[in-house]
Amino acid sequence: MSLSLSLRRLGIAVAAGALVSVAAVTPAVADGDWGDEDPGVSRQDDGGWNQRGDDDFDGRGDYDHQGGHDNPRLYRGVVTADQLALRSRPDRGSRVIRYAYRGERVSIFCKTGGSNVQGNPLWYLLTDGTWAWGSARYIDNIGPAPRWC
């Protein structure tokens, strides 16, 4: 066997080993505790929420009318602008992904700073079907303020 062939096989074996170790570590890292409010509370089910982070009814993330907060990893809000552009980044120059309309209830994953919109630099990452950023200036919180991203 030539030295070149041996080195090639060694390289492939090292790369395969690295992939296996990354695959083993990733699930443990991905299941981080994203700021559950009360880690001592045990839940029997998911409260009707699916893996997309919205409810299983119409796919828009609507929730009960008492301002419920079933998923501890999501926060709730309502759009106050007639038409709110939801964007690919937390700034007004980024691409518009879709629009939300006055009264629409949204699921908020977290908040971050971004471009200033009428005196408010905060933006919310929304999880309603698509992941998009909406200016906090035009979204009123329902319940607690969202955590930081």
Protein backbone atom coordinates (compact mmCIF):
# COMPACT_ATOMS: atom_id res chain seq x y z
CA MET A 1 0.00 0.00 0.00
CA SER A 2 1.39 3.39 -0.94
CA LEU A 3 1.94 6.22 1.51
CA SER A 4 -0.50 8.42 -0.43
CA LEU A 5 -3.31 5.86 -0.13
CA SER A 6 -2.63 5.39 3.59
CA LEU A 7 -2.77 9.14 4.25
CA ARG A 8 -6.01 9.42 2.28
CA ARG A 9 -7.61 6.62 4.33
CA LEU A 10 -6.38 8.19 7.56
CA GLY A 11 -7.93 11.52 6.54
CA ILE A 12 -11.26 9.86 5.77
CA ALA A 13 -11.22 8.03 9.11
CA VAL A 14 -10.47 11.25 11.03
CA ALA A 15 -13.26 13.12 9.19
CA ALA A 16 -15.74 10.31 9.89
CA GLY A 17 -14.78 10.32 13.57
CA ALA A 18 -15.29 14.08 13.76
CA LEU A 19 -18.76 13.77 12.20
CA VAL A 20 -19.76 11.06 14.65
CA SER A 21 -18.62 13.12 17.63
CA VAL A 22 -20.46 16.23 16.37
CA ALA A 23 -23.63 14.19 15.83
CA ALA A 24 -23.41 12.85 19.38
CA VAL A 25 -22.86 16.28 20.97
CA THR A 26 -25.41 18.31 18.96
CA PRO A 27 -28.63 16.91 20.53
CA ALA A 28 -27.32 17.65 24.02
CA VAL A 29 -26.48 21.24 23.09
CA ALA A 30 -29.71 21.81 21.14
CA ASP A 31 -31.88 21.01 24.15
CA GLY A 32 -30.83 24.10 26.09
CA ASP A 33 -33.07 25.65 28.72
CA TRP A 34 -34.41 28.76 26.97
CA GLY A 35 -35.36 30.61 30.12
CA ASP A 36 -38.36 28.68 31.40
CA GLU A 37 -40.03 30.95 33.93
CA ASP A 38 -40.60 28.24 36.55
CA PRO A 39 -38.45 25.14 36.04
CA GLY A 40 -40.13 23.41 39.00
CA VAL A 41 -43.49 23.11 37.22
CA SER A 42 -44.14 19.69 35.72
CA ARG A 43 -46.43 19.48 32.69
CA GLN A 44 -48.34 16.42 31.50
CA ASP A 45 -48.71 17.58 27.88
CA ASP A 46 -47.72 20.37 25.55
CA GLY A 47 -50.97 22.32 25.95
CA GLY A 48 -51.94 21.89 22.29
CA TRP A 49 -48.75 23.39 20.84
CA ASN A 50 -46.92 21.73 17.99
CA GLN A 51 -43.21 21.80 17.15
CA ARG A 52 -43.59 24.92 15.00
CA GLY A 53 -44.46 26.86 18.16
CA ASP A 54 -48.05 27.62 17.23
CA ASP A 55 -51.27 25.90 18.16
CA ASP A 56 -52.70 22.99 16.19
CA PHE A 57 -55.84 24.79 15.02
CA ASP A 58 -55.28 27.17 12.11
CA GLY A 59 -51.48 27.46 12.01
CA ARG A 60 -51.50 31.18 12.91
CA GLY A 61 -50.51 30.78 16.54
CA ASP A 62 -53.82 32.04 17.97
CA TYR A 63 -54.39 31.38 21.64
CA ASP A 64 -57.18 31.47 24.18
CA HIS A 65 -58.88 34.83 24.69
CA GLN A 66 -57.86 35.13 28.33
CA GLY A 67 -54.30 35.93 27.27
CA GLY A 68 -53.09 32.40 27.98
CA HIS A 69 -49.43 31.53 27.86
CA ASP A 70 -49.33 27.76 27.35
CA ASN A 71 -45.84 27.43 25.89
CA PRO A 72 -43.26 28.78 28.36
CA ARG A 73 -40.77 29.33 25.52
CA LEU A 74 -43.06 31.70 23.62
CA TYR A 75 -44.49 35.07 24.53
CA ARG A 76 -47.60 36.68 23.07
CA GLY A 77 -48.37 39.98 21.45
CA VAL A 78 -50.93 41.82 19.36
CA VAL A 79 -50.18 44.01 16.32
CA THR A 80 -51.19 47.67 16.76
CA ALA A 81 -50.27 49.04 13.31
CA ASP A 82 -52.71 48.87 10.39
CA GLN A 83 -50.06 46.95 8.45
CA LEU A 84 -46.74 45.82 9.98
CA ALA A 85 -43.91 44.62 7.74
CA LEU A 86 -42.24 41.52 9.17
CA ARG A 87 -38.63 41.39 8.07
CA SER A 88 -35.67 39.06 7.60
CA ARG A 89 -33.48 41.05 10.06
CA PRO A 90 -34.22 43.50 12.89
CA ASP A 91 -33.80 46.59 10.73
CA ARG A 92 -36.00 48.61 8.38
CA GLY A 93 -33.74 48.03 5.38
CA SER A 94 -34.07 44.24 5.36
CA ARG A 95 -36.30 42.15 3.12
CA VAL A 96 -40.03 42.00 3.94
CA ILE A 97 -41.11 38.39 4.52
CA ARG A 98 -44.82 39.06 5.09
CA TYR A 99 -47.22 41.55 6.65
CA ALA A 100 -49.18 41.37 9.91
CA TYR A 101 -52.34 43.42 10.41
CA ARG A 102 -53.96 45.32 13.28
CA GLY A 103 -55.37 42.98 15.91
CA GLU A 104 -53.41 39.94 14.72
CA ARG A 105 -52.07 37.92 17.64
CA VAL A 106 -48.46 36.82 17.27
CA SER A 107 -46.08 34.41 19.02
CA ILE A 108 -42.86 36.09 20.17
CA PHE A 109 -39.74 33.98 20.65
CA CYS A 110 -37.38 36.71 21.92
CA LYS A 111 -36.40 40.39 21.59
CA THR A 112 -33.24 42.17 20.46
CA GLY A 113 -32.00 45.64 19.63
CA GLY A 114 -32.13 46.85 16.06
CA SER A 115 -32.86 49.93 14.01
CA ASN A 116 -34.89 52.58 15.81
CA VAL A 117 -38.58 52.80 14.85
CA GLN A 118 -40.23 55.97 16.19
CA GLY A 119 -38.10 55.97 19.33
CA ASN A 120 -38.19 52.21 19.99
CA PRO A 121 -35.03 50.20 19.15
CA LEU A 122 -36.50 46.79 20.13
CA TRP A 123 -37.50 44.11 17.65
CA TYR A 124 -39.35 40.83 18.31
CA LEU A 125 -38.56 37.54 16.61
CA LEU A 126 -41.97 36.12 15.65
CA THR A 127 -42.66 32.43 15.09
CA ASP A 128 -46.01 32.46 13.30
CA GLY A 129 -45.42 30.10 10.39
CA THR A 130 -42.21 31.86 9.38
CA TRP A 131 -39.45 33.29 11.53
CA ALA A 132 -39.57 37.04 10.99
CA TRP A 133 -38.68 40.22 12.87
CA GLY A 134 -41.32 42.79 13.78
CA SER A 135 -40.73 46.19 15.35
CA ALA A 136 -41.74 46.19 19.02
CA ARG A 137 -43.08 49.72 18.46
CA TYR A 138 -46.14 48.17 16.81
CA ILE A 139 -46.58 45.01 18.91
CA ASP A 140 -48.15 45.20 22.38
CA ASN A 141 -47.12 42.47 24.82
CA ILE A 142 -49.79 40.23 26.28
CA GLY A 143 -48.41 39.02 29.59
CA PRO A 144 -44.71 39.20 30.49
CA ALA A 145 -42.14 40.98 28.33
CA PRO A 146 -40.20 38.62 26.04
CA ARG A 147 -36.74 37.44 27.04
CA TRP A 148 -33.62 38.69 25.22
CA CYS A 149 -32.33 36.64 22.28
